[in-house]
Amino acid sequence: MRVDYDQLDQTVNALTKGETDTVALMATVACEVHHSDDRFDWTGFYRVTAPDLLKIGPYQGGHGCLVVPFSRGVCGAAARTGEVQLVADVDAFPGHIACATSTRSELVLPVWNRSGSLLGVFDIDSNQPDAFDSADAKRMAAILDSVFRAVD
């Protein structure tokens, strides 16, 4: 099953409309995204909890890393640079943190609030190599923006 981004966008926005609690929004997004596509093996958020530090937030899938510094891994790179990380082969990514040995590829997107502050990153892992493309990144970024740009 491949994600129907129009349907996912509609569902996520209907479920989150009017909600302003960041953790509730993250939990809902993680759940809906995780179950929308067979490629998505682990789906979740790492929240900014201190300067240059991410901690695991709501997620779906197996265990994730509890703490990720901005200086390490794909999630750290997304947080540090503020840019989407589209990684076809995690083994080729310098400094990749192997939270799960099954992860072959990742899509990590920075998540911003209304004032432009970084809330964290949204991490989608796949047990398939080269599972994501720029269309996935673009559509997922638009969904995240529509949900989190409404919160302070």
Protein backbone atom coordinates (compact mmCIF):
# COMPACT_ATOMS: atom_id res chain seq x y z
CA MET A 1 0.00 0.00 0.00
CA ARG A 2 1.37 3.42 -1.02
CA VAL A 3 0.30 6.57 0.78
CA ASP A 4 -2.50 8.65 -0.76
CA TYR A 5 -1.20 12.06 0.25
CA ASP A 6 -4.45 13.87 -0.55
CA GLN A 7 -6.36 11.51 1.75
CA LEU A 8 -3.65 11.65 4.43
CA ASP A 9 -3.64 15.45 4.36
CA GLN A 10 -7.43 15.56 4.64
CA THR A 11 -7.50 13.04 7.51
CA VAL A 12 -4.69 14.65 9.51
CA ASN A 13 -6.18 18.11 9.15
CA ALA A 14 -9.65 16.90 10.16
CA LEU A 15 -8.26 15.14 13.25
CA THR A 16 -6.05 18.03 14.35
CA LYS A 17 -8.29 20.99 13.56
CA GLY A 18 -8.42 23.36 16.50
CA GLU A 19 -5.90 21.41 18.59
CA THR A 20 -2.96 23.42 19.92
CA ASP A 21 -1.22 20.91 22.20
CA THR A 22 2.02 20.00 20.46
CA VAL A 23 2.33 16.49 21.92
CA ALA A 24 -1.27 15.63 21.00
CA LEU A 25 -0.63 16.85 17.47
CA MET A 26 2.60 14.86 17.21
CA ALA A 27 0.92 11.69 18.46
CA THR A 28 -1.90 12.02 15.95
CA VAL A 29 0.39 12.78 13.01
CA ALA A 30 2.76 9.92 13.88
CA CYS A 31 -0.10 7.44 14.06
CA GLU A 32 -1.83 8.50 10.86
CA VAL A 33 1.37 8.68 8.83
CA HIS A 34 2.69 5.38 10.15
CA HIS A 35 -0.39 3.46 9.09
CA SER A 36 -0.69 5.15 5.68
CA ASP A 37 2.12 3.33 3.84
CA ASP A 38 3.84 -0.07 4.05
CA ARG A 39 7.23 1.60 3.50
CA PHE A 40 6.97 3.37 6.86
CA ASP A 41 8.65 1.08 9.39
CA TRP A 42 9.19 3.65 12.17
CA THR A 43 7.45 7.01 12.27
CA GLY A 44 7.85 9.63 14.93
CA PHE A 45 9.08 12.86 16.38
CA TYR A 46 12.23 13.94 18.13
CA ARG A 47 11.50 17.11 20.13
CA VAL A 48 13.88 19.94 20.90
CA THR A 49 14.17 19.77 24.70
CA ALA A 50 17.39 21.73 25.28
CA PRO A 51 19.83 23.67 23.12
CA ASP A 52 21.18 21.36 20.41
CA LEU A 53 19.38 18.32 21.86
CA LEU A 54 16.48 16.18 20.66
CA LYS A 55 14.53 13.69 22.76
CA ILE A 56 12.14 11.07 21.49
CA GLY A 57 8.53 12.14 21.26
CA PRO A 58 5.38 10.41 20.12
CA TYR A 59 6.13 7.61 17.67
CA GLN A 60 4.87 4.40 16.10
CA GLY A 61 7.04 1.32 15.58
CA GLY A 62 9.84 -0.32 17.56
CA HIS A 63 12.05 1.43 20.08
CA GLY A 64 13.82 4.59 18.97
CA CYS A 65 16.86 6.37 20.35
CA LEU A 66 15.96 8.33 23.47
CA VAL A 67 18.36 11.22 22.92
CA VAL A 68 19.87 12.61 19.72
CA PRO A 69 22.28 15.55 19.76
CA PHE A 70 22.05 17.98 16.85
CA SER A 71 25.64 16.98 16.03
CA ARG A 72 24.82 13.34 15.24
CA GLY A 73 22.78 11.31 12.81
CA VAL A 74 20.16 12.09 10.22
CA CYS A 75 17.76 13.60 12.77
CA GLY A 76 20.53 15.76 14.19
CA ALA A 77 21.42 16.97 10.69
CA ALA A 78 17.80 17.98 10.00
CA ALA A 79 17.63 19.87 13.30
CA ARG A 80 21.07 21.48 12.89
CA THR A 81 20.58 22.62 9.27
CA GLY A 82 16.82 23.15 9.25
CA GLU A 83 16.74 21.19 5.99
CA VAL A 84 14.93 18.02 4.96
CA GLN A 85 17.19 14.97 5.00
CA LEU A 86 16.37 12.41 2.30
CA VAL A 87 18.72 9.46 2.82
CA ALA A 88 18.55 6.55 0.37
CA ASP A 89 21.13 4.43 2.25
CA VAL A 90 21.64 5.12 5.95
CA ASP A 91 24.90 3.14 5.96
CA ALA A 92 26.37 5.74 3.59
CA PHE A 93 25.34 8.68 5.83
CA PRO A 94 28.30 9.92 7.91
CA GLY A 95 27.52 9.67 11.61
CA HIS A 96 24.27 7.74 11.15
CA ILE A 97 22.88 6.55 14.48
CA ALA A 98 21.54 3.00 14.19
CA CYS A 99 18.56 3.08 16.54
CA ALA A 100 17.19 0.03 14.70
CA THR A 101 19.32 -2.33 12.63
CA SER A 102 16.42 -2.84 10.21
CA THR A 103 16.49 0.80 8.99
CA ARG A 104 17.76 1.09 5.41
CA SER A 105 16.56 4.60 4.42
CA GLU A 106 15.17 7.70 6.12
CA LEU A 107 13.20 10.85 5.50
CA VAL A 108 13.61 13.46 8.25
CA LEU A 109 11.86 16.83 8.19
CA PRO A 110 12.30 19.82 10.50
CA VAL A 111 9.08 20.89 12.24
CA TRP A 112 8.48 24.60 12.87
CA ASN A 113 5.83 26.43 14.86
CA ARG A 114 4.02 29.67 13.98
CA SER A 115 6.83 31.88 15.31
CA GLY A 116 9.43 29.98 13.28
CA SER A 117 10.93 28.12 16.25
CA LEU A 118 12.11 24.57 15.68
CA LEU A 119 9.85 22.19 17.61
CA GLY A 120 11.77 19.10 16.52
CA VAL A 121 12.04 16.76 13.59
CA PHE A 122 9.69 14.21 12.07
CA ASP A 123 11.51 10.97 11.26
CA ILE A 124 10.25 8.29 8.91
CA ASP A 125 12.39 5.15 8.67
CA SER A 126 12.01 2.35 6.15
CA ASN A 127 13.39 -1.17 6.13
CA GLN A 128 13.64 -0.77 2.34
CA PRO A 129 16.60 0.96 0.68
CA ASP A 130 15.86 4.15 -1.26
CA ALA A 131 12.24 4.11 -0.07
CA PHE A 132 11.59 7.86 -0.27
CA ASP A 133 11.78 10.51 -2.97
CA SER A 134 11.45 14.28 -3.24
CA ALA A 135 7.69 13.99 -3.79
CA ASP A 136 7.37 12.25 -0.39
CA ALA A 137 9.43 15.01 1.20
CA LYS A 138 7.41 17.79 -0.41
CA ARG A 139 4.01 16.34 0.47
CA MET A 140 5.00 15.43 4.03
CA ALA A 141 6.48 18.90 4.60
CA ALA A 142 3.20 20.47 3.50
CA ILE A 143 1.21 18.30 5.92
CA LEU A 144 3.54 19.12 8.81
CA ASP A 145 3.42 22.81 7.98
CA SER A 146 -0.38 22.86 7.93
CA VAL A 147 -0.56 21.20 11.36
CA PHE A 148 2.28 22.84 13.30
CA ARG A 149 2.27 26.38 11.92
CA ALA A 150 -0.95 26.83 13.90
CA VAL A 151 0.77 26.33 17.29
CA ASP A 152 2.90 28.70 19.33
